[in-house]
Amino acid sequence: MIGPILVTGASGFIGSHLARSCVDLGHRVVVIERDATKLSGLDIQGVRGKSDIVHGDVTDQALLTRTLVEYDIRTVYHLAAQALVGVANRSAASTMDTNVRGTWALLEACRAMDRRIRAIVVASSDKAYGDQEQLPYCEDMSPLDAVYPYDVSKACADLIARSYARTYRLPVVVTRCANVYGPGDPNLSRLVPEVALAAARGVAPVIRSDGSPERDYLYIDDCLRAYHLLADSATKEGVRGEAFNVGTGVPISVMKLVVTALEAGGRPEIEPVIKGQATNEIDRQYLDCAKIQARLGYTPEWALEEGLRATVRWYADHLDLFVPRGPNGEPSGEADEEGSE
């Protein structure tokens, strides 16, 4: 990993953790912030006062070019995206604009840097595969068969990124991560933050599906190790222009995840509320991660129970960020958003 480093999407969950980890390693970090939200990852991770912040939109190619030039950026982590499935289903046009145009705008800006950029890691997703019959998903599956708006936007960004690597020899590498979880995710519409907060509060979490869908869940620290490793190796043959699955390779049902999280939080007696109303989501997904292990020696280190225990503990220690307090100092009301897997 070569600095200075640009992290797009640093207001979000993974991006803020990634920015913080780069700061902790002693790099100069530049982030692009579009909206200063109440629960920005920049603030949760303490990055705001330790990084250079450029205010603007990742679809603004002129802004991106100026940022790369003025800050002499050498490594780029591109995570800026509309990342919530429910929002994508409601607002497909803005999702496509951010996730697709934002990707080619950034890559065009990088292309104009006359090979000064040494690594570009672009975040795709396991959702880019769509609903494939063959499990686990392998990187050489063709074509990417995404259907729903978020999934399609990630498949498009994935193809664009690899096109720029092959056509212009940019040092681009693509990540297709499993469902990443851990402390500090402000989006309570995601399953793990919602159930972790519920466990911390001692209330019943909500499952929108019937609890049977299966996913691959990756702890945030393991995700960050993969990003750093790929950035360090982006110019190598067998890495440049390639997509890499990053996950545990172990599927777990939504219901089992919820039960495990409740047990990890010391709340095994709580029974979740099952609504069975989820739509436009793939039933079973998990990843074959043999490629990143064989080429870069990467394997995840965090067990699910250990990661969930750390996650629940963080939400218990930060209840004030998410739960309004009444006059007597006690939590008032339920969490604002319904859980999502």
Protein backbone atom coordinates (compact mmCIF):
# COMPACT_ATOMS: atom_id res chain seq x y z
CA MET A 1 0.00 0.00 0.00
CA ILE A 2 1.47 3.30 -1.17
CA GLY A 3 0.38 6.72 0.11
CA PRO A 4 -1.10 9.27 -0.04
CA ILE A 5 -4.33 7.33 -0.14
CA LEU A 6 -7.79 8.26 -1.41
CA VAL A 7 -10.76 6.45 0.14
CA THR A 8 -14.12 7.06 -1.50
CA GLY A 9 -17.14 6.03 0.54
CA ALA A 10 -15.31 6.79 3.79
CA SER A 11 -18.54 7.98 5.41
CA GLY A 12 -19.87 4.42 5.20
CA PHE A 13 -19.22 1.37 7.31
CA ILE A 14 -16.38 -0.40 5.47
CA GLY A 15 -14.91 2.80 4.03
CA SER A 16 -14.61 4.47 7.43
CA HIS A 17 -12.92 1.42 8.94
CA LEU A 18 -10.57 1.30 5.95
CA ALA A 19 -9.74 5.01 6.23
CA ARG A 20 -9.05 4.62 9.94
CA SER A 21 -6.79 1.63 9.35
CA CYS A 22 -4.77 3.61 6.78
CA VAL A 23 -4.44 6.51 9.22
CA ASP A 24 -3.32 4.08 11.93
CA LEU A 25 -0.62 2.78 9.56
CA GLY A 26 0.74 6.32 9.23
CA HIS A 27 -0.52 7.19 5.76
CA ARG A 28 -1.93 10.52 4.66
CA VAL A 29 -5.58 9.80 3.91
CA VAL A 30 -7.92 11.85 1.72
CA VAL A 31 -11.67 11.19 1.74
CA ILE A 32 -14.56 12.56 -0.31
CA GLU A 33 -17.66 13.51 1.65
CA ARG A 34 -20.94 14.31 -0.09
CA ASP A 35 -23.37 14.51 2.83
CA ALA A 36 -22.42 15.27 6.44
CA THR A 37 -24.84 12.83 8.07
CA LYS A 38 -25.61 12.62 11.78
CA LEU A 39 -24.08 9.15 12.05
CA SER A 40 -21.18 9.40 9.63
CA GLY A 41 -18.56 6.70 9.78
CA LEU A 42 -15.95 9.46 9.70
CA ASP A 43 -17.08 10.50 13.17
CA ILE A 44 -17.76 7.01 14.52
CA GLN A 45 -14.21 5.92 13.59
CA GLY A 46 -12.60 9.23 14.61
CA VAL A 47 -11.28 9.86 11.11
CA ARG A 48 -12.67 13.35 10.52
CA GLY A 49 -9.91 15.18 12.37
CA LYS A 50 -7.16 12.90 11.07
CA SER A 51 -7.77 12.99 7.30
CA ASP A 52 -8.11 15.54 4.54
CA ILE A 53 -11.76 15.93 3.51
CA VAL A 54 -12.80 16.94 0.01
CA HIS A 55 -16.45 17.96 -0.19
CA GLY A 56 -18.22 16.80 -3.33
CA ASP A 57 -19.72 13.92 -5.27
CA VAL A 58 -17.90 10.88 -6.60
CA THR A 59 -19.67 11.33 -9.96
CA ASP A 60 -17.89 14.70 -10.45
CA GLN A 61 -14.95 13.73 -12.64
CA ALA A 62 -13.36 17.20 -12.50
CA LEU A 63 -13.43 17.08 -8.69
CA LEU A 64 -11.89 13.62 -8.70
CA THR A 65 -9.12 14.69 -11.08
CA ARG A 66 -8.34 17.75 -8.95
CA THR A 67 -8.22 15.60 -5.82
CA LEU A 68 -5.85 13.05 -7.34
CA VAL A 69 -3.51 15.74 -8.64
CA GLU A 70 -3.49 18.17 -5.72
CA TYR A 71 -3.05 15.49 -3.06
CA ASP A 72 -0.63 13.42 -5.19
CA ILE A 73 -2.68 10.28 -4.60
CA ARG A 74 -0.90 6.95 -5.19
CA THR A 75 -3.41 4.41 -3.82
CA VAL A 76 -7.18 4.50 -4.36
CA TYR A 77 -9.83 2.53 -2.51
CA HIS A 78 -13.15 3.00 -4.27
CA LEU A 79 -16.04 2.10 -1.98
CA ALA A 80 -18.40 5.02 -2.64
CA ALA A 81 -21.80 3.57 -3.46
CA GLN A 82 -25.44 3.53 -2.55
CA ALA A 83 -25.04 0.34 -0.58
CA LEU A 84 -28.47 -0.47 0.88
CA VAL A 85 -30.60 -2.96 -1.04
CA GLY A 86 -33.90 -1.47 0.13
CA VAL A 87 -32.90 2.05 -0.93
CA ALA A 88 -31.71 0.74 -4.29
CA ASN A 89 -35.09 -0.88 -4.92
CA ARG A 90 -36.82 2.43 -4.16
CA SER A 91 -34.38 4.63 -6.05
CA ALA A 92 -32.81 2.71 -8.91
CA ALA A 93 -31.77 5.77 -10.97
CA SER A 94 -29.70 7.43 -8.22
CA THR A 95 -28.20 4.04 -7.30
CA MET A 96 -27.06 3.44 -10.88
CA ASP A 97 -25.71 6.99 -11.12
CA THR A 98 -23.56 6.72 -8.00
CA ASN A 99 -22.49 3.11 -8.34
CA VAL A 100 -21.88 3.02 -12.09
CA ARG A 101 -21.05 6.57 -13.22
CA GLY A 102 -19.08 7.13 -10.03
CA THR A 103 -16.87 4.16 -10.95
CA TRP A 104 -16.02 5.16 -14.50
CA ALA A 105 -15.59 8.82 -13.50
CA LEU A 106 -12.99 7.81 -10.92
CA LEU A 107 -11.22 5.43 -13.30
CA GLU A 108 -11.09 8.11 -16.00
CA ALA A 109 -9.54 10.48 -13.48
CA CYS A 110 -6.99 7.81 -12.55
CA ARG A 111 -6.22 7.18 -16.23
CA ALA A 112 -5.28 10.85 -16.63
CA MET A 113 -2.65 10.55 -13.89
CA ASP A 114 -0.01 9.14 -16.25
CA ARG A 115 0.54 5.96 -14.24
CA ARG A 116 1.24 7.73 -10.95
CA ILE A 117 -1.51 5.65 -9.32
CA ARG A 118 0.01 2.41 -8.07
CA ALA A 119 -3.11 0.62 -6.83
CA ILE A 120 -6.87 0.95 -7.36
CA VAL A 121 -9.11 -1.39 -5.36
CA VAL A 122 -12.74 -1.27 -6.50
CA ALA A 123 -15.50 -2.68 -4.31
CA SER A 124 -17.92 -4.90 -6.17
CA SER A 125 -20.06 -7.38 -4.21
CA ASP A 126 -21.10 -11.01 -4.03
CA LYS A 127 -24.49 -9.67 -5.21
CA ALA A 128 -22.93 -9.04 -8.65
CA TYR A 129 -23.19 -12.78 -9.35
CA GLY A 130 -26.97 -12.67 -9.18
CA ASP A 131 -28.90 -15.83 -8.34
CA GLN A 132 -26.65 -18.60 -9.71
CA GLU A 133 -27.57 -22.28 -9.58
CA GLN A 134 -24.02 -23.32 -8.77
CA LEU A 135 -22.82 -22.79 -5.21
CA PRO A 136 -20.44 -21.59 -3.92
CA TYR A 137 -19.89 -18.68 -6.31
CA CYS A 138 -16.53 -18.70 -8.12
CA GLU A 139 -14.83 -15.76 -9.81
CA ASP A 140 -14.81 -17.46 -13.22
CA MET A 141 -18.60 -17.78 -13.35
CA SER A 142 -19.89 -16.18 -16.53
CA PRO A 143 -21.85 -14.13 -17.06
CA LEU A 144 -22.55 -12.08 -13.96
CA ASP A 145 -26.30 -12.59 -13.76
CA ALA A 146 -27.53 -9.76 -11.51
CA VAL A 147 -31.21 -8.77 -11.72
CA TYR A 148 -32.17 -6.31 -8.97
CA PRO A 149 -31.01 -2.64 -9.01
CA TYR A 150 -28.26 -2.83 -6.38
CA ASP A 151 -26.95 -6.12 -7.75
CA VAL A 152 -26.94 -4.83 -11.34
CA SER A 153 -25.14 -1.62 -10.36
CA LYS A 154 -22.39 -3.65 -8.70
CA ALA A 155 -22.08 -6.00 -11.68
CA CYS A 156 -21.70 -2.98 -13.98
CA ALA A 157 -19.05 -1.39 -11.76
CA ASP A 158 -17.24 -4.74 -11.62
CA LEU A 159 -17.11 -5.05 -15.42
CA ILE A 160 -16.10 -1.42 -15.90
CA ALA A 161 -13.23 -1.72 -13.42
CA ARG A 162 -11.82 -4.84 -15.05
CA SER A 163 -12.25 -3.27 -18.49
CA TYR A 164 -10.05 -0.32 -17.47
CA ALA A 165 -7.42 -2.71 -16.12
CA ARG A 166 -7.28 -4.70 -19.35
CA THR A 167 -7.66 -1.81 -21.80
CA TYR A 168 -5.48 0.83 -20.15
CA ARG A 169 -3.25 -1.34 -17.93
CA LEU A 170 -4.45 0.45 -14.82
CA PRO A 171 -3.50 -1.39 -11.60
CA VAL A 172 -7.13 -2.21 -10.79
CA VAL A 173 -8.27 -5.11 -8.65
CA VAL A 174 -11.89 -5.88 -7.74
CA THR A 175 -13.25 -7.20 -4.45
CA ARG A 176 -16.41 -9.27 -4.26
CA CYS A 177 -16.99 -9.40 -0.54
CA ALA A 178 -19.51 -11.40 1.41
CA ASN A 179 -21.78 -9.62 3.90
CA VAL A 180 -19.35 -7.61 6.02
CA TYR A 181 -20.28 -6.95 9.66
CA GLY A 182 -18.70 -5.59 12.79
CA PRO A 183 -18.66 -2.65 15.20
CA GLY A 184 -19.63 0.80 14.02
CA ASP A 185 -22.11 0.12 11.20
CA PRO A 186 -24.67 2.96 11.44
CA ASN A 187 -27.11 1.38 9.00
CA LEU A 188 -29.67 -0.36 11.18
CA SER A 189 -31.55 -1.55 8.09
CA ARG A 190 -28.84 -4.22 7.82
CA LEU A 191 -29.35 -7.45 9.69
CA VAL A 192 -26.26 -7.61 11.92
CA PRO A 193 -26.42 -4.01 13.27
CA GLU A 194 -30.14 -4.40 13.95
CA VAL A 195 -29.79 -7.69 15.81
CA ALA A 196 -26.63 -6.54 17.64
CA LEU A 197 -28.42 -3.43 18.86
CA ALA A 198 -31.46 -5.51 19.83
CA ALA A 199 -29.25 -7.91 21.80
CA ALA A 200 -27.53 -4.98 23.50
CA ARG A 201 -30.92 -3.53 24.48
CA GLY A 202 -32.59 -6.81 25.39
CA VAL A 203 -35.40 -6.45 22.81
CA ALA A 204 -36.56 -8.77 20.04
CA PRO A 205 -34.86 -8.24 16.65
CA VAL A 206 -36.97 -8.26 13.48
CA ILE A 207 -36.35 -10.71 10.64
CA ARG A 208 -37.98 -9.54 7.41
CA SER A 209 -37.65 -12.95 5.68
CA ASP A 210 -38.74 -16.32 7.02
CA GLY A 211 -35.24 -16.78 8.44
CA SER A 212 -34.12 -19.39 5.90
CA PRO A 213 -31.98 -17.34 3.43
CA GLU A 214 -28.29 -18.19 3.66
CA ARG A 215 -25.36 -15.80 3.41
CA ASP A 216 -21.62 -15.67 4.01
CA TYR A 217 -20.68 -13.24 6.82
CA LEU A 218 -17.20 -11.69 7.03
CA TYR A 219 -15.90 -9.75 10.04
CA ILE A 220 -14.67 -6.24 9.29
CA ASP A 221 -11.06 -6.84 10.37
CA ASP A 222 -10.77 -9.74 7.93
CA CYS A 223 -12.25 -7.54 5.21
CA LEU A 224 -9.65 -4.82 5.86
CA ARG A 225 -6.77 -7.29 5.68
CA ALA A 226 -7.96 -8.37 2.25
CA TYR A 227 -8.21 -4.78 0.99
CA HIS A 228 -4.69 -3.94 2.16
CA LEU A 229 -3.26 -7.15 0.75
CA LEU A 230 -4.87 -6.57 -2.64
CA ALA A 231 -3.64 -2.96 -2.77
CA ASP A 232 -0.10 -4.10 -1.97
CA SER A 233 -0.30 -6.64 -4.82
CA ALA A 234 -2.28 -4.69 -7.43
CA THR A 235 0.55 -4.43 -9.97
CA LYS A 236 1.42 -8.13 -9.87
CA GLU A 237 0.51 -10.55 -12.61
CA GLY A 238 -2.38 -12.71 -11.53
CA VAL A 239 -3.76 -9.84 -9.44
CA ARG A 240 -3.99 -6.80 -11.75
CA GLY A 241 -7.34 -6.79 -13.53
CA GLU A 242 -8.70 -9.69 -11.49
CA ALA A 243 -11.74 -10.03 -9.26
CA PHE A 244 -11.37 -11.76 -5.90
CA ASN A 245 -14.02 -13.25 -3.64
CA VAL A 246 -13.49 -12.35 0.01
CA GLY A 247 -15.48 -14.29 2.57
CA THR A 248 -15.43 -17.31 4.84
CA GLY A 249 -16.93 -19.75 2.36
CA VAL A 250 -19.31 -20.92 5.09
CA PRO A 251 -23.04 -20.22 4.60
CA ILE A 252 -25.26 -19.55 7.57
CA SER A 253 -29.01 -18.97 7.65
CA VAL A 254 -30.44 -15.67 8.80
CA MET A 255 -32.16 -17.41 11.71
CA LYS A 256 -28.97 -19.10 12.88
CA LEU A 257 -27.07 -15.83 12.64
CA VAL A 258 -29.69 -14.05 14.75
CA VAL A 259 -29.72 -16.81 17.37
CA THR A 260 -25.91 -16.83 17.48
CA ALA A 261 -25.81 -13.04 17.90
CA LEU A 262 -28.35 -13.15 20.73
CA GLU A 263 -26.34 -15.88 22.46
CA ALA A 264 -23.12 -13.91 21.94
CA GLY A 265 -24.80 -10.94 23.58
CA GLY A 266 -25.94 -13.00 26.55
CA ARG A 267 -29.61 -12.91 25.46
CA PRO A 268 -30.43 -16.50 24.44
CA GLU A 269 -33.95 -16.22 25.87
CA ILE A 270 -35.05 -13.58 23.33
CA GLU A 271 -37.07 -14.84 20.36
CA PRO A 272 -36.87 -12.80 17.12
CA VAL A 273 -39.97 -11.47 15.36
CA ILE A 274 -40.30 -13.19 11.98
CA LYS A 275 -42.21 -11.17 9.38
CA GLY A 276 -41.57 -13.22 6.22
CA GLN A 277 -41.99 -10.16 3.99
CA ALA A 278 -38.61 -9.82 2.25
CA THR A 279 -38.68 -9.42 -1.54
CA ASN A 280 -36.12 -8.85 -4.33
CA GLU A 281 -33.39 -10.66 -2.47
CA ILE A 282 -31.44 -13.80 -3.40
CA ASP A 283 -32.21 -16.85 -1.29
CA ARG A 284 -28.77 -18.51 -1.01
CA GLN A 285 -25.33 -17.02 -1.55
CA TYR A 286 -21.86 -17.88 -0.41
CA LEU A 287 -18.39 -17.65 -1.89
CA ASP A 288 -15.54 -19.90 -2.99
CA CYS A 289 -12.46 -18.02 -1.75
CA ALA A 290 -9.79 -20.43 -3.02
CA LYS A 291 -8.43 -17.86 -5.51
CA ILE A 292 -7.34 -15.22 -2.99
CA GLN A 293 -5.96 -17.92 -0.72
CA ALA A 294 -3.94 -19.55 -3.51
CA ARG A 295 -2.58 -16.34 -5.04
CA LEU A 296 -2.08 -14.18 -1.95
CA GLY A 297 -2.21 -16.56 1.00
CA TYR A 298 -5.29 -14.90 2.49
CA THR A 299 -7.61 -16.65 4.93
CA PRO A 300 -10.08 -15.04 7.37
CA GLU A 301 -9.11 -15.21 11.04
CA TRP A 302 -12.28 -14.27 12.95
CA ALA A 303 -14.78 -16.95 13.95
CA LEU A 304 -18.42 -15.90 13.62
CA GLU A 305 -19.15 -16.18 17.34
CA GLU A 306 -16.08 -14.09 18.19
CA GLY A 307 -16.98 -11.41 15.66
CA LEU A 308 -20.60 -11.22 16.76
CA ARG A 309 -19.55 -10.98 20.41
CA ALA A 310 -17.29 -8.02 19.62
CA THR A 311 -20.04 -6.41 17.55
CA VAL A 312 -22.74 -6.73 20.22
CA ARG A 313 -20.32 -5.41 22.82
CA TRP A 314 -19.64 -2.30 20.70
CA TYR A 315 -23.35 -1.52 20.28
CA ALA A 316 -23.92 -2.01 24.00
CA ASP A 317 -21.17 0.53 24.68
CA HIS A 318 -22.60 3.02 22.14
CA LEU A 319 -26.35 2.83 22.71
CA ASP A 320 -26.59 6.61 22.93
CA LEU A 321 -25.70 6.89 19.23
CA PHE A 322 -28.76 4.91 18.20
CA VAL A 323 -31.38 4.98 20.94
CA PRO A 324 -32.99 8.26 22.10
CA ARG A 325 -32.95 8.79 25.87
CA GLY A 326 -35.96 9.87 27.88
CA PRO A 327 -35.95 12.44 30.71
CA ASN A 328 -34.90 9.79 33.23
CA GLY A 329 -32.00 8.67 31.05
CA GLU A 330 -33.63 5.40 30.00
CA PRO A 331 -33.92 4.36 26.32
CA SER A 332 -37.18 5.56 24.77
CA GLY A 333 -38.90 3.73 21.92
CA GLU A 334 -37.71 1.15 19.45
CA ALA A 335 -34.92 1.39 16.89
CA ASP A 336 -35.97 3.47 13.89
CA GLU A 337 -35.44 1.00 11.08
CA GLU A 338 -36.48 -2.55 10.41
CA GLY A 339 -33.81 -5.22 10.17
CA SER A 340 -32.62 -6.41 6.77
CA GLU A 341 -30.57 -9.32 5.57
